[in-house]
Amino acid sequence: MDLKLHDIHAGAIESALVKARQYRSLLEPEIAESICLDILHIDNDNQQALVIYILALTDQIHHTEKQSQIKVAKKTIERLTDEYQRHYYNGILNERRARFLISQPMSHSFAYDYFAEALHFYKQAEKISPEDNDDAILRWNSCVRTIQKEKLKPRTENDDSLIDMES
């Protein structure tokens, strides 16, 4: 069997983007990721595909926090041409990492660190956000509410010592 990837047609990019969004909505980020890779293979700088790809990668953080996926997401965020989007999607990446850690036993103090990083990026995004775009504020508020609800606190020196002893 020939397992060679097939290129999509340039004229099919718009419908492929729609499908990628639909698969994300259906909670099938792996398929959305694959579609984005197909688009990016023929249009390497397609900003919409990059955004959906980043979101599809971060959707999968809840399944397992794979360091390779996180590195790919970071590199993809760097490819965004819009400064606001780079800050915003860095915020999303850190927020989703934090939310994953909340669901893991004994990871709350690490979750706080990622929320703090997310807040940093959302603050930067808010400063340069397009008019009538309060997405960064909405994400900021969601992070703050989660920190308060979960009673998250920064790690103490004792937390770091425990980690060193376990290593």
Protein backbone atom coordinates (compact mmCIF):
# COMPACT_ATOMS: atom_id res chain seq x y z
CA MET A 1 0.00 0.00 0.00
CA ASP A 2 1.24 3.49 -0.88
CA LEU A 3 1.29 5.56 2.35
CA LYS A 4 2.34 8.80 0.71
CA LEU A 5 0.53 11.99 1.75
CA HIS A 6 -1.53 13.69 -0.94
CA ASP A 7 -1.52 17.45 -1.46
CA ILE A 8 -4.80 19.31 -1.29
CA HIS A 9 -5.64 21.86 -3.99
CA ALA A 10 -5.05 25.54 -3.29
CA GLY A 11 -8.70 26.20 -4.14
CA ALA A 12 -9.77 23.87 -1.33
CA ILE A 13 -8.07 25.81 1.47
CA GLU A 14 -11.16 27.77 2.54
CA SER A 15 -13.34 24.66 2.81
CA ALA A 16 -10.49 22.84 4.59
CA LEU A 17 -10.32 25.67 7.16
CA VAL A 18 -14.07 25.28 7.75
CA LYS A 19 -13.60 21.54 8.26
CA ALA A 20 -10.71 22.09 10.67
CA ARG A 21 -12.88 24.43 12.76
CA GLN A 22 -15.71 21.88 12.70
CA TYR A 23 -13.46 19.06 13.87
CA ARG A 24 -12.25 21.22 16.75
CA SER A 25 -15.89 21.87 17.66
CA LEU A 26 -16.53 18.12 17.54
CA LEU A 27 -13.67 17.62 20.00
CA GLU A 28 -11.51 15.88 17.42
CA PRO A 29 -8.40 18.08 17.54
CA GLU A 30 -6.18 15.41 15.97
CA ILE A 31 -8.17 15.61 12.73
CA ALA A 32 -8.18 19.43 12.85
CA GLU A 33 -4.40 19.31 13.34
CA SER A 34 -3.99 17.03 10.32
CA ILE A 35 -6.12 19.29 8.12
CA CYS A 36 -4.06 22.32 9.17
CA LEU A 37 -0.85 20.48 8.31
CA ASP A 38 -2.29 19.78 4.86
CA ILE A 39 -3.09 23.47 4.39
CA LEU A 40 0.29 24.61 5.70
CA HIS A 41 2.05 22.17 3.39
CA ILE A 42 0.82 24.15 0.38
CA ASP A 43 0.44 27.59 2.03
CA ASN A 44 3.14 27.73 4.72
CA ASP A 45 2.15 31.17 6.05
CA ASN A 46 -1.63 30.80 6.12
CA GLN A 47 -2.39 32.68 9.32
CA GLN A 48 -5.85 31.16 9.81
CA ALA A 49 -4.45 27.65 9.51
CA LEU A 50 -1.65 28.53 11.96
CA VAL A 51 -4.19 29.73 14.53
CA ILE A 52 -6.41 26.66 14.17
CA TYR A 53 -3.30 24.46 14.32
CA ILE A 54 -2.17 26.14 17.56
CA LEU A 55 -5.62 25.69 19.06
CA ALA A 56 -5.81 22.05 17.93
CA LEU A 57 -2.42 21.37 19.54
CA THR A 58 -3.45 23.06 22.78
CA ASP A 59 -6.79 21.21 22.73
CA GLN A 60 -4.75 18.03 23.10
CA ILE A 61 -2.87 19.18 26.19
CA HIS A 62 -5.71 17.86 28.32
CA HIS A 63 -5.15 14.39 26.92
CA THR A 64 -1.51 14.40 27.87
CA GLU A 65 0.98 17.21 28.27
CA LYS A 66 3.46 16.18 25.60
CA GLN A 67 6.56 18.36 25.60
CA SER A 68 7.00 17.85 21.85
CA GLN A 69 3.52 19.24 21.19
CA ILE A 70 4.17 22.21 23.43
CA LYS A 71 7.41 22.97 21.56
CA VAL A 72 5.60 22.75 18.24
CA ALA A 73 2.86 25.07 19.52
CA LYS A 74 5.47 27.61 20.70
CA LYS A 75 7.28 27.53 17.35
CA THR A 76 3.99 27.91 15.51
CA ILE A 77 3.01 30.91 17.65
CA GLU A 78 6.31 32.54 16.62
CA ARG A 79 5.19 32.21 12.99
CA LEU A 80 2.15 34.43 13.55
CA THR A 81 2.74 37.79 11.89
CA ASP A 82 0.44 39.75 14.22
CA GLU A 83 2.02 40.79 17.53
CA TYR A 84 -1.34 40.79 19.31
CA GLN A 85 -1.96 37.20 18.21
CA ARG A 86 1.49 36.08 19.34
CA HIS A 87 0.80 37.42 22.84
CA TYR A 88 -2.76 36.13 22.91
CA TYR A 89 -1.95 32.58 21.77
CA ASN A 90 1.04 32.38 24.12
CA GLY A 91 -1.50 33.21 26.82
CA ILE A 92 -3.81 30.45 25.57
CA LEU A 93 -0.96 27.92 25.58
CA ASN A 94 0.02 28.74 29.17
CA GLU A 95 -3.58 28.89 30.36
CA ARG A 96 -4.35 25.47 28.90
CA ARG A 97 -1.22 24.03 30.48
CA ALA A 98 -2.38 25.46 33.82
CA ARG A 99 -5.87 24.04 33.43
CA PHE A 100 -4.39 20.63 32.63
CA LEU A 101 -2.27 20.76 35.79
CA ILE A 102 -5.29 21.62 37.95
CA SER A 103 -6.76 18.28 36.96
CA GLN A 104 -3.58 16.44 38.04
CA PRO A 105 -2.89 15.39 41.63
CA MET A 106 -0.32 17.53 43.45
CA SER A 107 0.13 20.00 40.57
CA HIS A 108 -1.77 23.05 41.80
CA SER A 109 1.33 25.07 42.63
CA PHE A 110 2.67 24.50 39.12
CA ALA A 111 -0.71 25.47 37.67
CA TYR A 112 -0.37 28.85 39.36
CA ASP A 113 2.92 29.46 37.53
CA TYR A 114 1.35 28.81 34.13
CA PHE A 115 -1.64 30.99 34.98
CA ALA A 116 0.78 33.77 35.92
CA GLU A 117 2.52 33.36 32.53
CA ALA A 118 -0.84 33.41 30.76
CA LEU A 119 -1.80 36.60 32.59
CA HIS A 120 1.47 38.21 31.52
CA PHE A 121 0.75 37.45 27.85
CA TYR A 122 -2.92 38.51 28.10
CA LYS A 123 -1.83 41.82 29.62
CA GLN A 124 0.56 42.38 26.71
CA ALA A 125 -2.18 41.44 24.22
CA GLU A 126 -4.69 43.75 25.89
CA LYS A 127 -2.34 46.72 25.47
CA ILE A 128 -2.31 46.29 21.68
CA SER A 129 -5.67 44.62 21.07
CA PRO A 130 -7.73 45.70 18.10
CA GLU A 131 -10.62 48.04 18.83
CA ASP A 132 -13.69 46.23 20.16
CA ASN A 133 -11.70 43.03 20.77
CA ASP A 134 -11.79 42.16 24.45
CA ASP A 135 -10.74 38.52 24.05
CA ALA A 136 -7.59 39.04 26.13
CA ILE A 137 -9.66 40.64 28.92
CA LEU A 138 -12.15 37.77 28.87
CA ARG A 139 -9.31 35.24 29.15
CA TRP A 140 -7.60 37.32 31.87
CA ASN A 141 -10.80 37.36 33.94
CA SER A 142 -11.31 33.63 33.47
CA CYS A 143 -7.77 32.92 34.70
CA VAL A 144 -8.16 35.20 37.72
CA ARG A 145 -11.47 33.57 38.64
CA THR A 146 -9.92 30.10 38.38
CA ILE A 147 -6.92 31.12 40.52
CA GLN A 148 -9.34 32.45 43.14
CA LYS A 149 -11.75 29.50 42.95
CA GLU A 150 -8.98 26.91 43.19
CA LYS A 151 -7.16 29.00 45.84
CA LEU A 152 -3.94 28.72 43.84
CA LYS A 153 -0.80 30.23 45.29
CA PRO A 154 2.77 30.65 44.04
CA ARG A 155 5.13 27.84 44.87
CA THR A 156 7.18 28.26 48.02
CA GLU A 157 10.82 27.30 48.52
CA ASN A 158 9.56 24.17 50.31
CA ASP A 159 7.73 23.10 47.14
CA ASP A 160 10.97 23.39 45.18
CA SER A 161 12.86 21.38 47.82
CA LEU A 162 10.34 18.55 47.60
CA ILE A 163 10.77 18.40 43.86
CA ASP A 164 14.56 18.28 44.17
CA MET A 165 14.32 15.44 46.68
CA GLU A 166 12.00 13.46 44.40
CA SER A 167 14.24 13.84 41.33
